[in-house]
Structures are given as structure tokens and as C-alpha cells.
Amino acid sequence: MVQKMVSVENNAITDVTSKNRTLPIFNKIETSNLYTIIPTAFYDELRAFCIRNAIVLEVERSGEKRVARKICMQCFKAFMIEKAAHFNLPVYAISQLSSKVDAKVGHQNYYLDQGDVRNLDSFL
């Protein structure tokens, strides 16, 4: 069964389960002027982050149980900014990417990646 992407409560957690396994953020980037300057490897890193950090929940909606995979968008945004800096993307590109994710950057300069607490101080 293919499930649709769903955003819940203030976009802090976003469902990453979809037909093509992409987040709405990828669609926002691909339709912007940034698409031509962002390397494929950057997208691969973002997708890998989503896969390894998905929280699997059993959700019941209209009497039907299903599995939803969700990520913290604050952690995603922090990771995205860190990777953008790693890929030496221009400052304006990082700023535009950041504006496409409706969430804060990490949690007080920290984010989780596969259970590891990472500090953003050197990237902000």
C-alpha cells in the first residue's frame, strides 16, 4: 500500500513515506533556481538522512492502521545546512535552501543524526 506524505503540527515532524520516497522540500528545491547549482550527491545525502533518521509509527486513521515514517524537520534543516556548507554551496544558496524548510534550525544548535548528537556551532 502506498501512503501519502502528511505534515503534522507546525511541521516539526514530517511524514517521509510516499510513492516516490521524496519530501516536499525536494520538490521546492527542484522548482527553484537552485536546482542547477546543487549537486546530485547533496540530494543523496538528504535522502540518506531521511532514511536513517525516520521514526516509524503505527497510525490509525478512519479505522485503518498504517505505518508512517516521520522525521524531525528541525534536525533535517540543521543537517541540510551543515551539508550545504560541506558541499561549499554559495551563501545565497544556503539561505534560499533554509527558507524552503518551515522549521527552526536544530534544537539550540544541536541536532540528532542516527542517535548521535551533533553541534552546529561551526556552521551557523
N, C-alpha and C. Protein backbone atom coordinates (compact mmCIF):
# COMPACT_ATOMS: atom_id res chain seq x y z
N MET A 1 0.83 -1.17 0.00
CA MET A 1 0.00 0.00 0.00
C MET A 1 0.88 1.24 0.00
N VAL A 2 0.61 2.19 -0.86
CA VAL A 2 1.37 3.44 -0.94
C VAL A 2 0.64 4.49 -0.12
N GLN A 3 1.40 5.17 0.74
CA GLN A 3 0.80 6.20 1.57
C GLN A 3 1.21 7.58 1.08
N LYS A 4 0.43 8.56 1.43
CA LYS A 4 0.72 9.94 1.05
C LYS A 4 1.56 10.62 2.10
N MET A 5 2.28 11.68 1.71
CA MET A 5 3.04 12.47 2.67
C MET A 5 2.08 13.33 3.47
N VAL A 6 2.35 13.44 4.76
CA VAL A 6 1.48 14.22 5.62
C VAL A 6 2.35 15.07 6.53
N SER A 7 2.01 16.34 6.66
CA SER A 7 2.67 17.20 7.64
C SER A 7 1.78 17.28 8.86
N VAL A 8 2.36 17.25 10.03
CA VAL A 8 1.57 17.35 11.25
C VAL A 8 2.13 18.45 12.13
N GLU A 9 1.28 19.03 12.93
CA GLU A 9 1.61 20.06 13.91
C GLU A 9 2.89 20.84 13.63
N ASN A 10 2.75 22.02 13.20
CA ASN A 10 3.78 23.03 12.94
C ASN A 10 5.00 22.53 12.17
N ASN A 11 4.81 21.51 11.37
CA ASN A 11 5.87 20.96 10.52
C ASN A 11 7.10 20.47 11.28
N ALA A 12 6.98 20.29 12.58
CA ALA A 12 8.13 19.79 13.34
C ALA A 12 8.46 18.36 12.93
N ILE A 13 7.44 17.59 12.63
CA ILE A 13 7.64 16.21 12.18
C ILE A 13 6.95 16.07 10.83
N THR A 14 7.62 15.50 9.86
CA THR A 14 7.04 15.33 8.53
C THR A 14 7.13 13.88 8.12
N ASP A 15 6.04 13.38 7.53
CA ASP A 15 5.97 12.01 7.05
C ASP A 15 6.86 11.88 5.82
N VAL A 16 7.73 10.89 5.80
CA VAL A 16 8.62 10.70 4.67
C VAL A 16 8.21 9.50 3.83
N THR A 17 7.03 8.97 4.08
CA THR A 17 6.55 7.83 3.31
C THR A 17 5.76 8.35 2.13
N SER A 18 6.16 7.99 0.95
CA SER A 18 5.43 8.41 -0.24
C SER A 18 5.70 7.45 -1.38
N LYS A 19 4.98 7.65 -2.44
CA LYS A 19 5.12 6.80 -3.63
C LYS A 19 6.55 6.84 -4.15
N ASN A 20 7.14 8.03 -4.22
CA ASN A 20 8.49 8.15 -4.78
C ASN A 20 9.55 8.42 -3.73
N ARG A 21 9.19 8.31 -2.46
CA ARG A 21 10.13 8.45 -1.35
C ARG A 21 10.85 9.80 -1.32
N THR A 22 10.15 10.87 -1.67
CA THR A 22 10.77 12.19 -1.56
C THR A 22 9.95 13.08 -0.65
N LEU A 23 10.61 14.04 -0.06
CA LEU A 23 9.95 15.03 0.78
C LEU A 23 9.52 16.22 -0.07
N PRO A 24 8.51 16.95 0.37
CA PRO A 24 8.12 18.16 -0.36
C PRO A 24 9.28 19.13 -0.55
N ILE A 25 10.24 19.13 0.37
CA ILE A 25 11.38 20.04 0.24
C ILE A 25 12.13 19.79 -1.07
N PHE A 26 12.23 18.54 -1.50
CA PHE A 26 12.93 18.26 -2.75
C PHE A 26 12.19 18.88 -3.93
N ASN A 27 10.86 18.83 -3.89
CA ASN A 27 10.07 19.46 -4.94
C ASN A 27 10.27 20.96 -4.94
N LYS A 28 10.33 21.58 -3.75
CA LYS A 28 10.54 23.02 -3.66
C LYS A 28 11.90 23.42 -4.23
N ILE A 29 12.91 22.62 -3.96
CA ILE A 29 14.26 22.93 -4.45
C ILE A 29 14.32 22.75 -5.96
N GLU A 30 13.74 21.64 -6.44
CA GLU A 30 13.83 21.33 -7.87
C GLU A 30 13.08 22.33 -8.73
N THR A 31 12.09 23.01 -8.19
CA THR A 31 11.36 24.01 -8.97
C THR A 31 11.93 25.41 -8.78
N SER A 32 13.01 25.53 -8.05
CA SER A 32 13.63 26.85 -7.83
C SER A 32 14.84 27.00 -8.73
N ASN A 33 15.42 28.19 -8.69
CA ASN A 33 16.63 28.44 -9.47
C ASN A 33 17.87 27.77 -8.88
N LEU A 34 17.74 27.14 -7.73
CA LEU A 34 18.86 26.46 -7.09
C LEU A 34 19.17 25.11 -7.73
N TYR A 35 18.20 24.56 -8.40
CA TYR A 35 18.33 23.20 -8.91
C TYR A 35 19.59 23.01 -9.75
N THR A 36 19.97 24.01 -10.52
CA THR A 36 21.11 23.86 -11.42
C THR A 36 22.46 23.89 -10.70
N ILE A 37 22.51 24.44 -9.49
CA ILE A 37 23.81 24.53 -8.81
C ILE A 37 23.99 23.50 -7.70
N ILE A 38 22.95 22.73 -7.41
CA ILE A 38 23.04 21.77 -6.32
C ILE A 38 23.41 20.40 -6.87
N PRO A 39 24.52 19.83 -6.40
CA PRO A 39 24.96 18.53 -6.92
C PRO A 39 24.03 17.39 -6.48
N THR A 40 23.96 16.38 -7.30
CA THR A 40 23.14 15.20 -7.01
C THR A 40 23.55 14.57 -5.68
N ALA A 41 24.83 14.57 -5.39
CA ALA A 41 25.31 13.98 -4.14
C ALA A 41 24.70 14.66 -2.92
N PHE A 42 24.40 15.96 -3.03
CA PHE A 42 23.76 16.69 -1.93
C PHE A 42 22.37 16.12 -1.68
N TYR A 43 21.60 15.92 -2.75
CA TYR A 43 20.27 15.31 -2.61
C TYR A 43 20.38 13.92 -2.01
N ASP A 44 21.37 13.16 -2.46
CA ASP A 44 21.57 11.80 -1.94
C ASP A 44 21.81 11.82 -0.44
N GLU A 45 22.60 12.79 0.03
CA GLU A 45 22.87 12.93 1.47
C GLU A 45 21.58 13.24 2.24
N LEU A 46 20.75 14.13 1.69
CA LEU A 46 19.50 14.48 2.36
C LEU A 46 18.56 13.29 2.42
N ARG A 47 18.45 12.55 1.32
CA ARG A 47 17.59 11.36 1.31
C ARG A 47 18.10 10.31 2.30
N ALA A 48 19.42 10.12 2.35
CA ALA A 48 20.01 9.15 3.27
C ALA A 48 19.71 9.56 4.72
N PHE A 49 19.78 10.86 5.01
CA PHE A 49 19.45 11.34 6.35
C PHE A 49 18.02 10.97 6.70
N CYS A 50 17.11 11.19 5.75
CA CYS A 50 15.69 10.88 5.98
C CYS A 50 15.48 9.40 6.26
N ILE A 51 16.17 8.56 5.54
CA ILE A 51 16.02 7.11 5.72
C ILE A 51 16.57 6.67 7.06
N ARG A 52 17.77 7.12 7.41
CA ARG A 52 18.38 6.62 8.65
C ARG A 52 17.80 7.25 9.91
N ASN A 53 17.06 8.35 9.76
CA ASN A 53 16.51 9.02 10.93
C ASN A 53 14.99 8.95 11.02
N ALA A 54 14.40 8.13 10.19
CA ALA A 54 12.94 8.00 10.20
C ALA A 54 12.47 7.36 11.51
N ILE A 55 11.43 7.92 12.05
CA ILE A 55 10.76 7.36 13.22
C ILE A 55 9.54 6.63 12.68
N VAL A 56 9.45 5.34 12.96
CA VAL A 56 8.35 4.55 12.42
C VAL A 56 7.23 4.50 13.46
N LEU A 57 6.06 4.93 13.03
CA LEU A 57 4.89 4.97 13.90
C LEU A 57 3.75 4.19 13.27
N GLU A 58 2.94 3.56 14.11
CA GLU A 58 1.72 2.95 13.60
C GLU A 58 0.61 3.95 13.84
N VAL A 59 -0.07 4.33 12.77
CA VAL A 59 -1.10 5.36 12.82
C VAL A 59 -2.43 4.74 12.44
N GLU A 60 -3.47 5.13 13.16
CA GLU A 60 -4.81 4.67 12.80
C GLU A 60 -5.61 5.87 12.33
N ARG A 61 -6.11 5.78 11.12
CA ARG A 61 -6.90 6.85 10.54
C ARG A 61 -8.13 6.23 9.88
N SER A 62 -9.30 6.71 10.27
CA SER A 62 -10.57 6.19 9.73
C SER A 62 -10.67 4.69 9.90
N GLY A 63 -10.21 4.20 11.04
CA GLY A 63 -10.30 2.77 11.33
C GLY A 63 -9.26 1.91 10.65
N GLU A 64 -8.37 2.52 9.84
CA GLU A 64 -7.35 1.76 9.12
C GLU A 64 -5.98 2.03 9.74
N LYS A 65 -5.27 0.96 10.07
CA LYS A 65 -3.92 1.11 10.61
C LYS A 65 -2.92 1.14 9.47
N ARG A 66 -1.93 2.00 9.62
CA ARG A 66 -0.85 2.07 8.64
C ARG A 66 0.44 2.47 9.32
N VAL A 67 1.53 2.28 8.65
CA VAL A 67 2.84 2.66 9.17
C VAL A 67 3.24 3.99 8.54
N ALA A 68 3.69 4.91 9.36
CA ALA A 68 4.17 6.20 8.89
C ALA A 68 5.62 6.38 9.32
N ARG A 69 6.43 6.86 8.43
CA ARG A 69 7.83 7.16 8.75
C ARG A 69 7.96 8.67 8.78
N LYS A 70 8.43 9.19 9.91
CA LYS A 70 8.49 10.64 10.09
C LYS A 70 9.89 11.05 10.50
N ILE A 71 10.22 12.31 10.20
CA ILE A 71 11.50 12.87 10.64
C ILE A 71 11.24 14.20 11.32
N CYS A 72 12.19 14.60 12.13
CA CYS A 72 12.14 15.92 12.76
C CYS A 72 12.68 16.94 11.75
N MET A 73 11.84 17.88 11.38
CA MET A 73 12.25 18.87 10.38
C MET A 73 13.31 19.83 10.91
N GLN A 74 13.36 20.04 12.22
CA GLN A 74 14.40 20.89 12.79
C GLN A 74 15.77 20.22 12.63
N CYS A 75 15.83 18.92 12.88
CA CYS A 75 17.08 18.18 12.69
C CYS A 75 17.44 18.12 11.20
N PHE A 76 16.42 17.90 10.36
CA PHE A 76 16.63 17.86 8.91
C PHE A 76 17.23 19.18 8.42
N LYS A 77 16.65 20.29 8.87
CA LYS A 77 17.13 21.60 8.42
C LYS A 77 18.57 21.83 8.86
N ALA A 78 18.89 21.45 10.08
CA ALA A 78 20.26 21.61 10.58
C ALA A 78 21.23 20.76 9.75
N PHE A 79 20.85 19.52 9.49
CA PHE A 79 21.69 18.64 8.67
C PHE A 79 21.87 19.22 7.27
N MET A 80 20.78 19.72 6.69
CA MET A 80 20.82 20.28 5.35
C MET A 80 21.80 21.46 5.28
N ILE A 81 21.76 22.33 6.28
CA ILE A 81 22.66 23.49 6.30
C ILE A 81 24.11 23.03 6.46
N GLU A 82 24.33 22.06 7.33
CA GLU A 82 25.68 21.54 7.53
C GLU A 82 26.22 20.93 6.23
N LYS A 83 25.39 20.14 5.55
CA LYS A 83 25.83 19.50 4.30
C LYS A 83 26.03 20.54 3.20
N ALA A 84 25.18 21.55 3.15
CA ALA A 84 25.34 22.60 2.15
C ALA A 84 26.69 23.29 2.32
N ALA A 85 27.08 23.55 3.56
CA ALA A 85 28.40 24.14 3.83
C ALA A 85 29.51 23.18 3.43
N HIS A 86 29.31 21.89 3.73
CA HIS A 86 30.29 20.85 3.36
C HIS A 86 30.49 20.79 1.85
N PHE A 87 29.39 20.97 1.10
CA PHE A 87 29.46 20.94 -0.36
C PHE A 87 29.88 22.30 -0.95
N ASN A 88 30.24 23.24 -0.08
CA ASN A 88 30.68 24.58 -0.50
C ASN A 88 29.65 25.29 -1.38
N LEU A 89 28.38 25.13 -1.04
CA LEU A 89 27.35 25.87 -1.76
C LEU A 89 27.47 27.35 -1.39
N PRO A 90 27.16 28.25 -2.32
CA PRO A 90 27.24 29.68 -2.02
C PRO A 90 26.31 30.07 -0.87
N VAL A 91 26.64 31.11 -0.16
CA VAL A 91 25.86 31.57 0.98
C VAL A 91 24.41 31.85 0.57
N TYR A 92 24.22 32.47 -0.60
CA TYR A 92 22.85 32.77 -1.03
C TYR A 92 22.05 31.48 -1.25
N ALA A 93 22.72 30.42 -1.71
CA ALA A 93 22.03 29.14 -1.94
C ALA A 93 21.64 28.50 -0.60
N ILE A 94 22.54 28.58 0.36
CA ILE A 94 22.24 28.03 1.69
C ILE A 94 21.07 28.78 2.31
N SER A 95 21.07 30.10 2.15
CA SER A 95 19.97 30.91 2.68
C SER A 95 18.65 30.55 2.00
N GLN A 96 18.66 30.38 0.70
CA GLN A 96 17.44 30.01 -0.01
C GLN A 96 16.96 28.61 0.37
N LEU A 97 17.89 27.67 0.50
CA LEU A 97 17.53 26.32 0.93
C LEU A 97 16.88 26.37 2.31
N SER A 98 17.49 27.11 3.20
CA SER A 98 16.99 27.24 4.57
C SER A 98 15.57 27.79 4.59
N SER A 99 15.30 28.75 3.71
CA SER A 99 13.97 29.37 3.69
C SER A 99 12.89 28.40 3.19
N LYS A 100 13.28 27.34 2.55
CA LYS A 100 12.32 26.39 1.99
C LYS A 100 11.84 25.37 3.03
N VAL A 101 12.49 25.32 4.19
CA VAL A 101 12.09 24.40 5.26
C VAL A 101 11.47 25.23 6.38
N ASP A 102 10.20 25.04 6.62
CA ASP A 102 9.47 25.80 7.62
C ASP A 102 9.69 25.19 9.01
N ALA A 103 10.87 25.41 9.54
CA ALA A 103 11.22 24.88 10.87
C ALA A 103 12.43 25.66 11.38
N LYS A 104 12.65 25.57 12.68
CA LYS A 104 13.85 26.15 13.26
C LYS A 104 15.05 25.30 12.84
N VAL A 105 16.25 25.86 13.01
CA VAL A 105 17.47 25.13 12.69
C VAL A 105 17.91 24.36 13.94
N GLY A 106 17.69 23.06 13.93
CA GLY A 106 18.10 22.22 15.04
C GLY A 106 17.40 22.57 16.34
N HIS A 107 18.01 22.12 17.42
CA HIS A 107 17.49 22.32 18.77
C HIS A 107 18.60 22.97 19.59
N GLN A 108 18.56 24.29 19.67
CA GLN A 108 19.57 25.08 20.39
C GLN A 108 20.98 24.71 19.92
N ASN A 109 21.17 24.78 18.59
CA ASN A 109 22.44 24.50 17.92
C ASN A 109 22.86 23.03 17.94
N TYR A 110 21.93 22.13 18.19
CA TYR A 110 22.21 20.69 18.15
C TYR A 110 21.15 20.00 17.30
N TYR A 111 21.53 18.86 16.76
CA TYR A 111 20.56 18.00 16.08
C TYR A 111 21.00 16.55 16.22
N LEU A 112 20.06 15.65 16.01
CA LEU A 112 20.34 14.22 16.08
C LEU A 112 20.50 13.65 14.68
N ASP A 113 21.49 12.79 14.54
CA ASP A 113 21.67 12.04 13.31
C ASP A 113 21.99 10.61 13.70
N GLN A 114 21.02 9.74 13.52
CA GLN A 114 21.13 8.32 13.86
C GLN A 114 21.60 8.12 15.30
N GLY A 115 21.02 8.90 16.19
CA GLY A 115 21.32 8.76 17.61
C GLY A 115 22.52 9.56 18.09
N ASP A 116 23.30 10.13 17.16
CA ASP A 116 24.45 10.94 17.54
C ASP A 116 24.02 12.40 17.64
N VAL A 117 24.41 13.05 18.74
CA VAL A 117 24.12 14.47 18.92
C VAL A 117 25.22 15.25 18.21
N ARG A 118 24.82 16.12 17.29
CA ARG A 118 25.77 16.91 16.52
C ARG A 118 25.61 18.39 16.86
N ASN A 119 26.72 19.11 16.90
CA ASN A 119 26.72 20.53 17.23
C ASN A 119 26.87 21.35 15.96
N LEU A 120 26.07 22.39 15.85
CA LEU A 120 26.08 23.24 14.67
C LEU A 120 26.92 24.50 14.81
N ASP A 121 27.53 24.73 15.94
CA ASP A 121 28.23 25.99 16.19
C ASP A 121 29.16 26.41 15.07
N SER A 122 29.86 25.47 14.46
CA SER A 122 30.83 25.83 13.42
C SER A 122 30.17 26.16 12.09
N PHE A 123 28.86 25.90 11.94
CA PHE A 123 28.19 26.14 10.67
C PHE A 123 27.25 27.33 10.70
N LEU A 124 26.94 27.86 11.87
CA LEU A 124 25.99 28.98 11.98
C LEU A 124 26.71 30.28 12.24
